[in-house]
Structure formats: structure tokens, C-alpha cells
N, C-alpha and C. Protein backbone atom coordinates (compact mmCIF):
# COMPACT_ATOMS: atom_id res chain seq x y z
N MET A 1 0.97 18.60 -20.48
CA MET A 1 1.65 17.65 -20.08
C MET A 1 0.92 17.16 -18.67
N ALA A 2 0.66 15.69 -18.65
CA ALA A 2 -0.12 15.08 -17.81
C ALA A 2 0.63 15.30 -16.46
N LYS A 3 -0.23 15.38 -15.37
CA LYS A 3 0.33 15.40 -14.04
C LYS A 3 0.56 14.16 -13.59
N THR A 4 1.41 13.94 -12.60
CA THR A 4 1.81 12.51 -11.89
C THR A 4 1.41 12.56 -10.47
N VAL A 5 0.84 11.50 -10.05
CA VAL A 5 0.66 11.23 -8.69
C VAL A 5 1.29 10.02 -8.26
N GLU A 6 2.43 10.40 -7.40
CA GLU A 6 3.19 9.38 -6.85
C GLU A 6 2.55 8.85 -5.53
N PHE A 7 2.35 7.59 -5.44
CA PHE A 7 1.61 6.90 -4.45
C PHE A 7 2.47 5.93 -3.65
N TYR A 8 3.05 6.42 -2.39
CA TYR A 8 3.84 5.60 -1.53
C TYR A 8 2.83 4.79 -0.62
N PHE A 9 3.09 3.69 -0.52
CA PHE A 9 2.18 2.68 0.08
C PHE A 9 2.76 1.43 0.67
N ASP A 10 2.11 0.81 1.59
CA ASP A 10 2.31 -0.56 2.10
C ASP A 10 1.19 -1.27 2.25
N VAL A 11 0.98 -2.69 1.76
CA VAL A 11 -0.40 -3.22 1.64
C VAL A 11 -0.80 -3.56 3.13
N GLY A 12 0.07 -3.50 4.04
CA GLY A 12 -0.30 -3.73 5.43
C GLY A 12 -1.17 -2.41 6.23
N SER A 13 -1.02 -1.38 5.50
CA SER A 13 -1.83 -0.34 5.82
C SER A 13 -3.29 -0.28 5.16
N PRO A 14 -4.46 -0.18 6.21
CA PRO A 14 -5.76 -0.18 5.73
C PRO A 14 -6.06 0.99 4.97
N ALA A 15 -5.48 2.21 5.43
CA ALA A 15 -5.64 3.55 4.58
C ALA A 15 -5.04 3.34 3.38
N SER A 16 -3.95 2.80 3.12
CA SER A 16 -3.43 2.38 1.68
C SER A 16 -4.25 1.75 0.80
N TYR A 17 -4.99 0.63 1.39
CA TYR A 17 -5.96 -0.08 0.64
C TYR A 17 -7.07 0.80 0.15
N LEU A 18 -7.75 1.73 0.93
CA LEU A 18 -8.69 2.56 0.66
C LEU A 18 -8.36 3.72 -0.36
N ALA A 19 -7.08 4.15 -0.08
CA ALA A 19 -6.65 4.94 -1.31
C ALA A 19 -6.50 4.29 -2.52
N TRP A 20 -6.10 3.08 -2.47
CA TRP A 20 -5.77 2.28 -3.71
C TRP A 20 -7.05 2.03 -4.53
N THR A 21 -8.31 1.90 -3.82
CA THR A 21 -9.48 1.71 -4.36
C THR A 21 -10.07 2.91 -5.21
N GLN A 22 -9.59 4.00 -4.91
CA GLN A 22 -10.12 5.17 -5.47
C GLN A 22 -8.91 5.91 -6.51
N LEU A 23 -7.77 5.92 -6.14
CA LEU A 23 -6.75 6.61 -6.97
C LEU A 23 -6.65 6.26 -8.40
N PRO A 24 -6.67 5.01 -8.91
CA PRO A 24 -6.85 4.83 -10.40
C PRO A 24 -7.82 5.59 -11.01
N GLY A 25 -9.11 5.50 -10.58
CA GLY A 25 -10.15 6.21 -11.08
C GLY A 25 -10.06 7.73 -11.11
N ILE A 26 -9.43 8.28 -10.10
CA ILE A 26 -9.24 9.72 -9.93
C ILE A 26 -8.31 10.23 -10.99
N CYS A 27 -7.35 9.37 -11.00
CA CYS A 27 -6.17 9.84 -12.01
C CYS A 27 -6.79 9.57 -13.47
N ALA A 28 -7.54 8.60 -13.77
CA ALA A 28 -7.97 8.40 -14.93
C ALA A 28 -8.99 9.51 -15.40
N GLN A 29 -9.84 9.91 -14.50
CA GLN A 29 -10.89 10.88 -14.72
C GLN A 29 -10.22 12.18 -15.06
N HIS A 30 -8.91 12.45 -14.38
CA HIS A 30 -8.34 13.93 -14.65
C HIS A 30 -7.18 13.76 -15.64
N GLY A 31 -6.86 12.59 -16.26
CA GLY A 31 -5.74 12.43 -17.19
C GLY A 31 -4.54 12.62 -16.51
N ALA A 32 -4.37 12.14 -15.20
CA ALA A 32 -3.18 12.03 -14.66
C ALA A 32 -2.52 10.56 -14.65
N ILE A 33 -1.19 10.60 -14.39
CA ILE A 33 -0.41 9.22 -14.32
C ILE A 33 -0.26 8.97 -12.74
N LEU A 34 -0.67 7.64 -12.55
CA LEU A 34 -0.41 7.24 -11.22
C LEU A 34 0.74 6.30 -11.27
N VAL A 35 1.62 6.79 -10.33
CA VAL A 35 3.05 6.00 -10.21
C VAL A 35 2.87 5.24 -8.72
N PHE A 36 3.07 3.95 -8.79
CA PHE A 36 3.24 3.34 -7.53
C PHE A 36 4.41 3.30 -7.00
N LYS A 37 4.67 3.45 -5.68
CA LYS A 37 5.86 3.53 -4.90
C LYS A 37 5.76 2.63 -3.76
N PRO A 38 5.96 1.42 -3.98
CA PRO A 38 5.90 0.44 -2.82
C PRO A 38 7.11 0.80 -1.83
N MET A 39 6.76 1.03 -0.44
CA MET A 39 7.74 1.31 0.48
C MET A 39 7.59 0.34 1.76
N LEU A 40 8.46 0.46 2.63
CA LEU A 40 8.20 -0.48 3.87
C LEU A 40 7.90 0.45 5.12
N LEU A 41 6.48 0.24 5.40
CA LEU A 41 6.03 1.17 6.44
C LEU A 41 6.63 1.16 7.56
N GLY A 42 6.96 -0.21 8.08
CA GLY A 42 7.77 -0.43 9.36
C GLY A 42 9.00 0.33 9.38
N GLY A 43 9.71 0.47 8.20
CA GLY A 43 11.00 1.28 8.09
C GLY A 43 10.68 2.62 8.43
N ILE A 44 9.69 3.16 7.82
CA ILE A 44 9.24 4.51 7.93
C ILE A 44 8.83 4.80 9.47
N PHE A 45 8.33 3.94 10.10
CA PHE A 45 7.86 4.13 11.41
C PHE A 45 9.21 4.19 12.46
N GLN A 46 10.13 3.19 12.12
CA GLN A 46 11.23 3.29 12.76
C GLN A 46 12.09 4.23 12.68
N ALA A 47 12.12 4.87 11.49
CA ALA A 47 13.00 6.11 11.15
C ALA A 47 12.45 7.45 11.72
N THR A 48 11.19 7.52 11.73
CA THR A 48 10.51 8.76 12.09
C THR A 48 9.94 8.90 13.59
N GLY A 49 9.73 7.65 14.38
CA GLY A 49 9.31 7.57 15.58
C GLY A 49 7.72 7.63 15.65
N ASN A 50 7.09 7.61 14.32
CA ASN A 50 5.60 7.38 14.22
C ASN A 50 5.37 6.09 14.47
N ALA A 51 3.96 5.75 14.68
CA ALA A 51 3.44 4.56 14.93
C ALA A 51 1.93 4.38 14.40
N SER A 52 1.49 3.11 14.33
CA SER A 52 0.13 2.97 13.85
C SER A 52 -0.76 3.49 14.87
N PRO A 53 -1.91 4.22 14.37
CA PRO A 53 -2.99 4.64 15.33
C PRO A 53 -3.59 3.54 16.15
N ALA A 54 -3.36 2.39 15.77
CA ALA A 54 -3.87 1.15 16.50
C ALA A 54 -3.04 1.04 17.85
N SER A 55 -1.79 1.62 17.89
CA SER A 55 -0.89 1.51 19.10
C SER A 55 -1.59 2.41 20.16
N ILE A 56 -2.48 3.19 20.08
CA ILE A 56 -3.16 3.98 21.09
C ILE A 56 -4.65 3.43 21.00
N PRO A 57 -5.24 2.56 21.97
CA PRO A 57 -6.25 1.84 21.78
C PRO A 57 -7.58 2.85 21.39
N ALA A 58 -7.82 4.01 22.09
CA ALA A 58 -9.02 4.79 21.82
C ALA A 58 -8.77 5.22 20.28
N LYS A 59 -7.68 5.68 20.01
CA LYS A 59 -7.43 6.21 18.56
C LYS A 59 -7.61 4.90 17.43
N GLY A 60 -7.14 3.72 17.88
CA GLY A 60 -7.39 2.72 17.01
C GLY A 60 -8.70 2.23 16.81
N ARG A 61 -9.57 2.29 17.99
CA ARG A 61 -11.09 2.10 17.65
C ARG A 61 -11.77 3.06 16.84
N TYR A 62 -11.37 4.35 16.86
CA TYR A 62 -11.99 5.36 16.16
C TYR A 62 -11.63 5.39 14.71
N THR A 63 -10.16 5.13 14.52
CA THR A 63 -9.80 5.06 13.19
C THR A 63 -10.44 3.99 12.46
N SER A 64 -10.63 2.81 12.96
CA SER A 64 -11.33 1.64 12.47
C SER A 64 -12.78 1.79 11.94
N ILE A 65 -13.37 2.50 13.01
CA ILE A 65 -14.74 3.14 12.55
C ILE A 65 -14.78 4.04 11.43
N ASP A 66 -13.72 4.90 11.29
CA ASP A 66 -13.78 5.86 10.25
C ASP A 66 -13.36 5.44 8.94
N PHE A 67 -12.35 4.24 8.92
CA PHE A 67 -12.21 3.45 7.74
C PHE A 67 -13.52 2.70 7.14
N GLN A 68 -14.45 2.22 8.13
CA GLN A 68 -15.58 1.74 7.68
C GLN A 68 -16.53 2.84 6.87
N ARG A 69 -16.63 4.07 7.43
CA ARG A 69 -17.21 5.24 7.07
C ARG A 69 -16.80 5.45 5.48
N TYR A 70 -15.48 5.60 5.47
CA TYR A 70 -14.76 5.72 3.99
C TYR A 70 -15.30 4.76 3.17
N ALA A 71 -15.18 3.41 3.53
CA ALA A 71 -15.37 2.20 2.77
C ALA A 71 -16.95 2.35 2.28
N GLY A 72 -17.78 2.89 3.06
CA GLY A 72 -19.12 2.98 2.79
C GLY A 72 -19.23 4.08 1.74
N ARG A 73 -18.59 5.21 1.81
CA ARG A 73 -18.47 6.27 1.00
C ARG A 73 -18.16 5.94 -0.42
N TYR A 74 -16.79 5.25 -0.26
CA TYR A 74 -16.35 4.75 -1.60
C TYR A 74 -17.12 3.56 -2.26
N ASP A 75 -18.04 2.90 -1.40
CA ASP A 75 -18.69 1.82 -1.83
C ASP A 75 -17.79 0.51 -2.32
N VAL A 76 -16.65 0.24 -1.35
CA VAL A 76 -15.80 -0.70 -1.56
C VAL A 76 -16.06 -1.57 -0.34
N PRO A 77 -15.60 -3.15 -0.45
CA PRO A 77 -15.68 -3.67 0.71
C PRO A 77 -14.48 -3.44 1.68
N PHE A 78 -14.48 -3.84 3.02
CA PHE A 78 -13.70 -3.42 3.96
C PHE A 78 -13.86 -4.06 5.20
N HIS A 79 -12.89 -4.98 5.72
CA HIS A 79 -12.90 -5.53 7.03
C HIS A 79 -11.74 -5.19 7.72
N PHE A 80 -11.69 -4.68 8.88
CA PHE A 80 -10.41 -4.61 9.67
C PHE A 80 -9.95 -5.99 9.79
N ASN A 81 -8.76 -6.14 9.55
CA ASN A 81 -7.89 -7.43 9.71
C ASN A 81 -7.56 -7.86 11.16
N PRO A 82 -8.22 -8.89 11.99
CA PRO A 82 -7.87 -9.01 13.30
C PRO A 82 -6.49 -9.40 13.44
N HIS A 83 -5.64 -9.86 12.58
CA HIS A 83 -4.33 -10.22 12.76
C HIS A 83 -3.38 -9.01 12.63
N PHE A 84 -4.07 -7.84 12.58
CA PHE A 84 -3.17 -6.60 12.43
C PHE A 84 -2.39 -6.44 13.77
N PRO A 85 -1.07 -5.96 13.51
CA PRO A 85 -0.34 -5.56 12.53
C PRO A 85 0.27 -6.85 11.79
N ILE A 86 0.57 -6.65 10.45
CA ILE A 86 1.03 -7.74 9.80
C ILE A 86 2.49 -7.28 9.42
N ASN A 87 3.45 -8.09 9.52
CA ASN A 87 4.84 -7.91 8.97
C ASN A 87 4.87 -7.99 7.52
N THR A 88 5.23 -6.77 7.14
CA THR A 88 5.04 -6.95 5.41
C THR A 88 6.17 -6.85 4.70
N LEU A 89 7.31 -7.13 5.32
CA LEU A 89 8.64 -7.11 4.60
C LEU A 89 8.54 -8.07 3.26
N ASN A 90 8.31 -9.11 3.63
CA ASN A 90 8.30 -10.29 2.41
C ASN A 90 7.18 -9.89 1.44
N LEU A 91 6.05 -9.39 1.89
CA LEU A 91 4.94 -8.95 0.99
C LEU A 91 5.30 -7.81 0.21
N MET A 92 5.95 -6.70 0.75
CA MET A 92 6.34 -5.63 -0.01
C MET A 92 7.52 -5.85 -1.06
N ARG A 93 8.50 -6.86 -0.73
CA ARG A 93 9.42 -7.28 -1.52
C ARG A 93 8.64 -7.88 -2.73
N ALA A 94 7.68 -8.79 -2.45
CA ALA A 94 6.99 -9.31 -3.57
C ALA A 94 6.39 -8.44 -4.31
N VAL A 95 5.71 -7.43 -3.77
CA VAL A 95 5.02 -6.33 -4.67
C VAL A 95 6.08 -5.51 -5.62
N ILE A 96 7.02 -5.11 -5.02
CA ILE A 96 8.11 -4.23 -5.66
C ILE A 96 8.82 -5.21 -6.79
N GLY A 97 9.02 -6.44 -6.42
CA GLY A 97 9.59 -7.61 -7.31
C GLY A 97 8.71 -7.58 -8.45
N VAL A 98 7.48 -7.99 -8.33
CA VAL A 98 6.60 -8.04 -9.44
C VAL A 98 6.55 -6.82 -10.24
N GLN A 99 6.61 -5.64 -9.57
CA GLN A 99 6.48 -4.23 -10.46
C GLN A 99 7.67 -4.26 -11.29
N ILE A 100 8.88 -4.70 -10.84
CA ILE A 100 10.08 -4.36 -11.71
C ILE A 100 10.29 -5.73 -12.66
N LYS A 101 9.92 -6.77 -12.32
CA LYS A 101 10.23 -7.99 -13.13
C LYS A 101 8.76 -8.41 -14.09
N TYR A 102 7.68 -8.18 -13.42
CA TYR A 102 6.68 -8.66 -14.39
C TYR A 102 5.65 -7.59 -14.08
N PRO A 103 6.03 -6.12 -14.73
CA PRO A 103 5.07 -5.13 -14.56
C PRO A 103 3.48 -5.54 -14.96
N GLU A 104 3.48 -6.15 -15.95
CA GLU A 104 2.06 -6.57 -16.61
C GLU A 104 1.22 -7.26 -15.47
N ARG A 105 1.88 -7.75 -14.55
CA ARG A 105 1.05 -8.44 -13.50
C ARG A 105 1.16 -7.92 -12.20
N PHE A 106 1.61 -6.63 -12.16
CA PHE A 106 1.68 -5.88 -10.90
C PHE A 106 0.35 -5.76 -10.28
N GLU A 107 -0.67 -5.15 -11.08
CA GLU A 107 -2.03 -4.87 -10.52
C GLU A 107 -2.61 -6.16 -10.01
N THR A 108 -2.39 -7.46 -10.68
CA THR A 108 -2.90 -8.67 -10.06
C THR A 108 -2.52 -9.05 -8.79
N MET A 109 -1.12 -8.80 -8.53
CA MET A 109 -0.47 -8.98 -7.11
C MET A 109 -0.89 -7.98 -6.23
N LEU A 110 -1.01 -6.74 -6.48
CA LEU A 110 -1.56 -5.83 -5.51
C LEU A 110 -2.90 -6.05 -5.10
N ALA A 111 -3.77 -6.26 -6.07
CA ALA A 111 -5.28 -6.66 -5.76
C ALA A 111 -5.45 -7.93 -4.97
N ALA A 112 -4.45 -8.92 -5.13
CA ALA A 112 -4.76 -9.99 -4.33
C ALA A 112 -4.22 -9.78 -2.98
N LEU A 113 -3.11 -9.06 -2.67
CA LEU A 113 -2.72 -8.92 -1.30
C LEU A 113 -3.59 -8.04 -0.53
N PHE A 114 -4.21 -6.91 -1.32
CA PHE A 114 -4.94 -5.93 -0.71
C PHE A 114 -6.34 -6.74 -0.42
N LYS A 115 -6.87 -7.50 -1.05
CA LYS A 115 -8.08 -8.32 -0.98
C LYS A 115 -7.94 -9.32 0.23
N ALA A 116 -6.77 -10.07 0.21
CA ALA A 116 -6.52 -10.86 1.33
C ALA A 116 -6.50 -10.23 2.65
N LEU A 117 -5.72 -9.00 2.66
CA LEU A 117 -5.65 -8.49 3.97
C LEU A 117 -6.97 -7.62 4.51
N TRP A 118 -7.57 -6.94 3.58
CA TRP A 118 -8.68 -5.96 4.12
C TRP A 118 -9.93 -6.22 3.53
N VAL A 119 -10.23 -7.25 2.91
CA VAL A 119 -11.55 -7.93 2.53
C VAL A 119 -11.76 -9.42 3.31
N ASP A 120 -10.74 -10.12 2.87
CA ASP A 120 -10.85 -11.60 3.41
C ASP A 120 -10.28 -11.74 4.80
N GLN A 121 -9.64 -10.79 5.35
CA GLN A 121 -8.99 -10.85 6.66
C GLN A 121 -8.13 -12.01 7.03
N LEU A 122 -7.31 -12.25 5.98
CA LEU A 122 -6.46 -13.30 6.11
C LEU A 122 -5.26 -13.10 6.96
N ASN A 123 -4.65 -14.14 7.54
CA ASN A 123 -3.43 -13.75 8.42
C ASN A 123 -2.19 -13.91 7.54
N LEU A 124 -1.63 -12.87 6.92
CA LEU A 124 -0.52 -13.09 6.09
C LEU A 124 0.71 -12.84 6.86
N ASN A 125 0.53 -12.99 8.20
CA ASN A 125 1.89 -13.20 9.04
C ASN A 125 2.49 -14.51 8.88
N LEU A 126 1.51 -15.51 8.19
CA LEU A 126 1.82 -16.96 8.07
C LEU A 126 2.24 -17.42 6.61
N PRO A 127 3.51 -17.92 6.49
CA PRO A 127 4.00 -18.19 5.20
C PRO A 127 2.99 -18.94 4.30
N GLU A 128 2.33 -20.05 4.89
CA GLU A 128 1.53 -20.78 4.21
C GLU A 128 0.25 -19.96 3.65
N VAL A 129 -0.23 -18.96 4.34
CA VAL A 129 -1.18 -18.12 3.96
C VAL A 129 -0.85 -17.27 2.61
N ILE A 130 0.36 -16.77 2.83
CA ILE A 130 1.09 -16.05 1.82
C ILE A 130 1.17 -16.85 0.68
N ALA A 131 1.62 -18.17 0.77
CA ALA A 131 1.83 -18.89 -0.46
C ALA A 131 0.54 -19.20 -1.03
N ALA A 132 -0.64 -19.54 -0.34
CA ALA A 132 -1.88 -19.83 -0.90
C ALA A 132 -2.20 -18.50 -1.69
N THR A 133 -2.22 -17.33 -1.15
CA THR A 133 -2.55 -16.11 -1.69
C THR A 133 -1.98 -15.83 -3.02
N VAL A 134 -0.66 -15.95 -3.17
CA VAL A 134 -0.03 -15.65 -4.47
C VAL A 134 -0.34 -16.72 -5.45
N ILE A 135 -0.51 -18.14 -5.11
CA ILE A 135 -0.91 -19.10 -6.00
C ILE A 135 -2.15 -18.94 -6.39
N GLY A 136 -3.03 -18.43 -5.53
CA GLY A 136 -4.51 -18.19 -6.04
C GLY A 136 -4.62 -16.95 -6.86
N ALA A 137 -3.44 -16.28 -6.99
CA ALA A 137 -3.50 -15.09 -7.82
C ALA A 137 -2.93 -15.51 -9.24
N GLY A 138 -2.48 -16.70 -9.35
CA GLY A 138 -1.66 -17.13 -10.63
C GLY A 138 -0.35 -17.17 -10.58
N PHE A 139 0.30 -16.78 -9.48
CA PHE A 139 1.77 -16.83 -9.56
C PHE A 139 2.33 -18.17 -9.13
N GLN A 140 3.62 -18.50 -9.59
CA GLN A 140 4.24 -19.50 -9.11
C GLN A 140 4.91 -19.37 -7.81
N LEU A 141 4.75 -20.06 -6.83
CA LEU A 141 5.25 -19.73 -5.51
C LEU A 141 6.82 -19.49 -5.68
N GLU A 142 7.50 -20.26 -6.34
CA GLU A 142 8.90 -20.18 -6.47
C GLU A 142 9.40 -18.95 -7.12
N GLU A 143 8.72 -18.41 -8.20
CA GLU A 143 8.97 -17.18 -8.68
C GLU A 143 8.97 -16.00 -7.84
N ILE A 144 7.98 -16.05 -6.73
CA ILE A 144 7.68 -15.01 -5.82
C ILE A 144 8.81 -15.21 -4.76
N GLN A 145 9.10 -16.59 -4.29
CA GLN A 145 10.04 -16.69 -3.28
C GLN A 145 11.37 -16.21 -3.87
N ALA A 146 11.74 -16.33 -5.17
CA ALA A 146 13.07 -15.87 -5.74
C ALA A 146 13.02 -14.36 -5.70
N LEU A 147 11.94 -13.79 -5.97
CA LEU A 147 11.84 -12.34 -5.82
C LEU A 147 12.23 -11.75 -4.52
N ILE A 148 11.67 -12.35 -3.55
CA ILE A 148 11.72 -11.88 -2.14
C ILE A 148 13.17 -12.00 -1.64
N SER A 149 13.93 -12.85 -2.16
CA SER A 149 15.19 -13.20 -1.88
C SER A 149 16.28 -12.50 -2.70
N ASP A 150 15.70 -11.86 -3.70
CA ASP A 150 16.78 -11.37 -4.75
C ASP A 150 17.42 -9.97 -4.18
N PRO A 151 18.77 -9.68 -4.22
CA PRO A 151 19.31 -8.70 -3.56
C PRO A 151 19.03 -7.32 -4.20
N GLN A 152 18.54 -7.34 -5.64
CA GLN A 152 18.11 -6.18 -6.43
C GLN A 152 16.82 -5.77 -5.96
N ILE A 153 15.99 -6.79 -5.56
CA ILE A 153 14.56 -6.36 -4.98
C ILE A 153 14.63 -5.76 -3.61
N LYS A 154 15.47 -6.41 -2.90
CA LYS A 154 15.61 -5.87 -1.57
C LYS A 154 16.13 -4.39 -1.44
N SER A 155 16.85 -4.23 -2.43
CA SER A 155 17.65 -2.91 -2.57
C SER A 155 16.61 -2.01 -3.08
N ALA A 156 15.86 -2.35 -4.02
CA ALA A 156 14.75 -1.48 -4.64
C ALA A 156 13.74 -1.05 -3.50
N LEU A 157 13.38 -2.01 -2.66
CA LEU A 157 12.35 -1.53 -1.52
C LEU A 157 13.12 -0.61 -0.56
N LYS A 158 14.34 -0.92 -0.25
CA LYS A 158 14.91 0.01 0.79
C LYS A 158 15.24 1.51 -0.04
N ASP A 159 15.56 1.48 -1.15
CA ASP A 159 15.67 2.72 -1.93
C ASP A 159 14.40 3.59 -1.82
N ASN A 160 13.14 2.87 -2.18
CA ASN A 160 11.99 3.68 -2.26
C ASN A 160 11.70 4.03 -0.73
N THR A 161 11.92 3.29 0.22
CA THR A 161 11.71 3.87 1.60
C THR A 161 12.66 4.75 1.89
N ASP A 162 13.91 4.70 1.63
CA ASP A 162 14.68 5.79 1.90
C ASP A 162 14.36 7.09 1.13
N GLN A 163 13.82 6.94 -0.06
CA GLN A 163 13.39 8.14 -0.85
C GLN A 163 12.31 8.95 -0.21
N ALA A 164 11.44 7.89 0.21
CA ALA A 164 10.16 8.48 0.87
C ALA A 164 10.63 9.27 2.16
N LEU A 165 11.44 8.76 3.05
CA LEU A 165 11.86 9.55 4.29
C LEU A 165 12.60 10.82 3.79
N ALA A 166 13.41 10.71 2.67
CA ALA A 166 13.98 12.01 2.35
C ALA A 166 13.10 13.11 2.04
N ARG A 167 11.88 12.74 1.41
CA ARG A 167 10.71 13.68 1.12
C ARG A 167 9.90 14.01 2.07
N GLY A 168 10.17 13.42 3.34
CA GLY A 168 9.21 13.93 4.33
C GLY A 168 8.22 12.92 4.68
N VAL A 169 8.10 11.57 4.19
CA VAL A 169 6.92 10.69 4.31
C VAL A 169 7.21 10.24 5.78
N PHE A 170 6.10 10.27 6.46
CA PHE A 170 6.09 9.61 7.82
C PHE A 170 5.11 8.47 8.11
N GLY A 171 4.23 8.30 6.96
CA GLY A 171 3.09 7.35 7.27
C GLY A 171 2.59 6.97 5.96
N ALA A 172 1.57 5.88 5.72
CA ALA A 172 1.04 5.52 4.50
C ALA A 172 -0.49 5.66 4.59
N PRO A 173 -1.12 6.13 3.48
CA PRO A 173 -0.50 6.31 2.27
C PRO A 173 -0.02 7.82 2.17
N THR A 174 0.95 7.99 1.50
CA THR A 174 1.36 9.50 1.06
C THR A 174 1.48 9.63 -0.26
N MET A 175 0.88 10.63 -0.86
CA MET A 175 0.71 10.96 -2.23
C MET A 175 1.49 12.29 -2.39
N PHE A 176 2.27 12.29 -3.74
CA PHE A 176 3.00 13.63 -4.13
C PHE A 176 2.27 13.94 -5.52
N VAL A 177 1.92 15.23 -5.73
CA VAL A 177 1.73 15.85 -6.88
C VAL A 177 2.87 16.86 -7.12
N GLY A 178 3.77 16.72 -7.89
CA GLY A 178 4.87 17.48 -7.96
C GLY A 178 5.70 17.42 -6.53
N ASP A 179 6.05 18.52 -6.03
CA ASP A 179 6.56 18.54 -4.58
C ASP A 179 5.59 18.71 -3.52
N GLU A 180 4.22 18.66 -3.82
CA GLU A 180 3.15 18.80 -2.95
C GLU A 180 2.80 17.63 -2.10
N MET A 181 2.82 17.45 -1.00
CA MET A 181 2.76 16.09 -0.28
C MET A 181 1.31 16.09 0.33
N PHE A 182 0.56 15.03 0.26
CA PHE A 182 -0.64 14.71 0.72
C PHE A 182 -0.76 13.36 1.59
N PHE A 183 -0.79 13.35 2.87
CA PHE A 183 -0.80 12.20 3.83
C PHE A 183 -2.26 11.84 4.10
N GLY A 184 -2.54 10.55 3.96
CA GLY A 184 -3.72 9.87 4.21
C GLY A 184 -4.97 9.77 3.30
N GLN A 185 -5.58 8.60 3.29
CA GLN A 185 -6.58 8.27 2.18
C GLN A 185 -7.68 9.37 2.43
N ASP A 186 -7.82 10.11 3.51
CA ASP A 186 -8.76 11.22 3.65
C ASP A 186 -8.33 12.61 2.99
N ARG A 187 -7.28 12.43 2.44
CA ARG A 187 -6.83 13.73 1.66
C ARG A 187 -7.02 13.72 0.17
N LEU A 188 -7.74 12.70 -0.40
CA LEU A 188 -7.86 12.52 -1.77
C LEU A 188 -8.51 13.58 -2.55
N ASP A 189 -9.21 14.31 -1.75
CA ASP A 189 -10.00 15.59 -2.55
C ASP A 189 -8.94 16.63 -2.78
N PHE A 190 -7.83 16.70 -1.94
CA PHE A 190 -6.81 17.59 -2.12
C PHE A 190 -5.92 17.26 -3.37
N VAL A 191 -5.75 15.85 -3.36
CA VAL A 191 -4.95 15.29 -4.64
C VAL A 191 -5.78 15.45 -5.78
N THR A 192 -7.18 15.27 -5.81
CA THR A 192 -7.96 15.61 -6.84
C THR A 192 -7.85 17.19 -7.31
N GLN A 193 -7.85 17.85 -6.53
CA GLN A 193 -7.79 19.28 -6.76
C GLN A 193 -6.37 19.74 -7.33
N ALA A 194 -5.39 19.11 -6.73
CA ALA A 194 -3.92 19.31 -7.38
C ALA A 194 -3.81 18.84 -8.79
N ILE A 195 -4.55 17.92 -9.20
CA ILE A 195 -4.26 17.29 -10.60
C ILE A 195 -5.49 17.90 -11.58
N GLY A 196 -6.56 18.35 -10.90
CA GLY A 196 -7.57 18.89 -11.75
C GLY A 196 -7.37 20.19 -12.67
């Protein structure tokens, strides 16, 4: 029976982006199933008292350099977003909304948002930039706005975030293989070992 990797993430997390560039290939190589679990990182931070490494200037500078090192190792584009932090509430509602309502287009949405944030360095705090990004990815703005305001979608994101908290999640990305938890994109070797 194939093992499952549950991937709790928020598009506003650069480490989530880096993990996302690697996990599909890792899972495919080892015959594991990758399950995407969109959550609201701001809600996780608020509930746990955790904060972004960027909130401590020295740690933020180091982490940014370290992300560049990993991007080089993974051979993927990465540019730290100068508009960080991004309020991702509507972005994550859009992500989970597409996952639920239009699952065949989920990867397109995810790729568009991750690229906008961590490659193109766009300011997705601005509604007009979000609109241009989703339209550019082939979505109708009206359908995404409908998802963002849908009570079922709001509830689904809250449920995923509450589930993450109940499982001990304190940041993003967090992966689970069974009950074993792995935090951070720099722990993908342990994820690989767990499914290998």
C-alpha cells in the first residue's frame, strides 16, 4: 500500500514554495501519494505564539540566504519577496476553493501564486495584483471572488488550520508521513527516508 505525504502549507511561506518544488518529484519517485493541505499560517502563528524568522532581523537575513542556497541545490528560481509578509487569507481561500471545486485546476492555481510570490516578487497584498495573477493563470476573476466569499470554503480553510494545530503544527511547511511530523523544507531528506 502506497504511503501518503500530507503537506501543510501556505503560499506566503518561502519555505513552502521550496518544498513544493521538490515534493511531487520525491513522492513520484517513491510511489507515495502527495496530499495537499492548505492552511492559514497566520492562524497557526496566532494560536502557537510562533512568528516568521523575518521578525528577528539577524535570523531573517540568514534564512533568506539559506533559502537561496537551497534554491541553488534544487536548481529552481527563487527571489525573496520585498513585500513580505503577505496577508494570505484570500489567497489561501482561493487555493482551497479551487482544490475543492475545481481539483483539475488546483496545480495551475498553486503554480501561479507560488511563481508570483517567490519568482516574480509581486505584491499580492494588492487586490489588483491578485486579480491580474489569477486572470493570467486562466481563471475568471468572478469565480475566484465567489470562492473567497463562500462560507463552505472559509470553513474548509479554518478546518484544515485547526486540524494542523491539533496535530502539533507550528509553522510551514509541515509534512506528515503517518503520524510522524517533519517541519521545514530542509527536512525533505527525512520525508524521503520515511516513504522510501
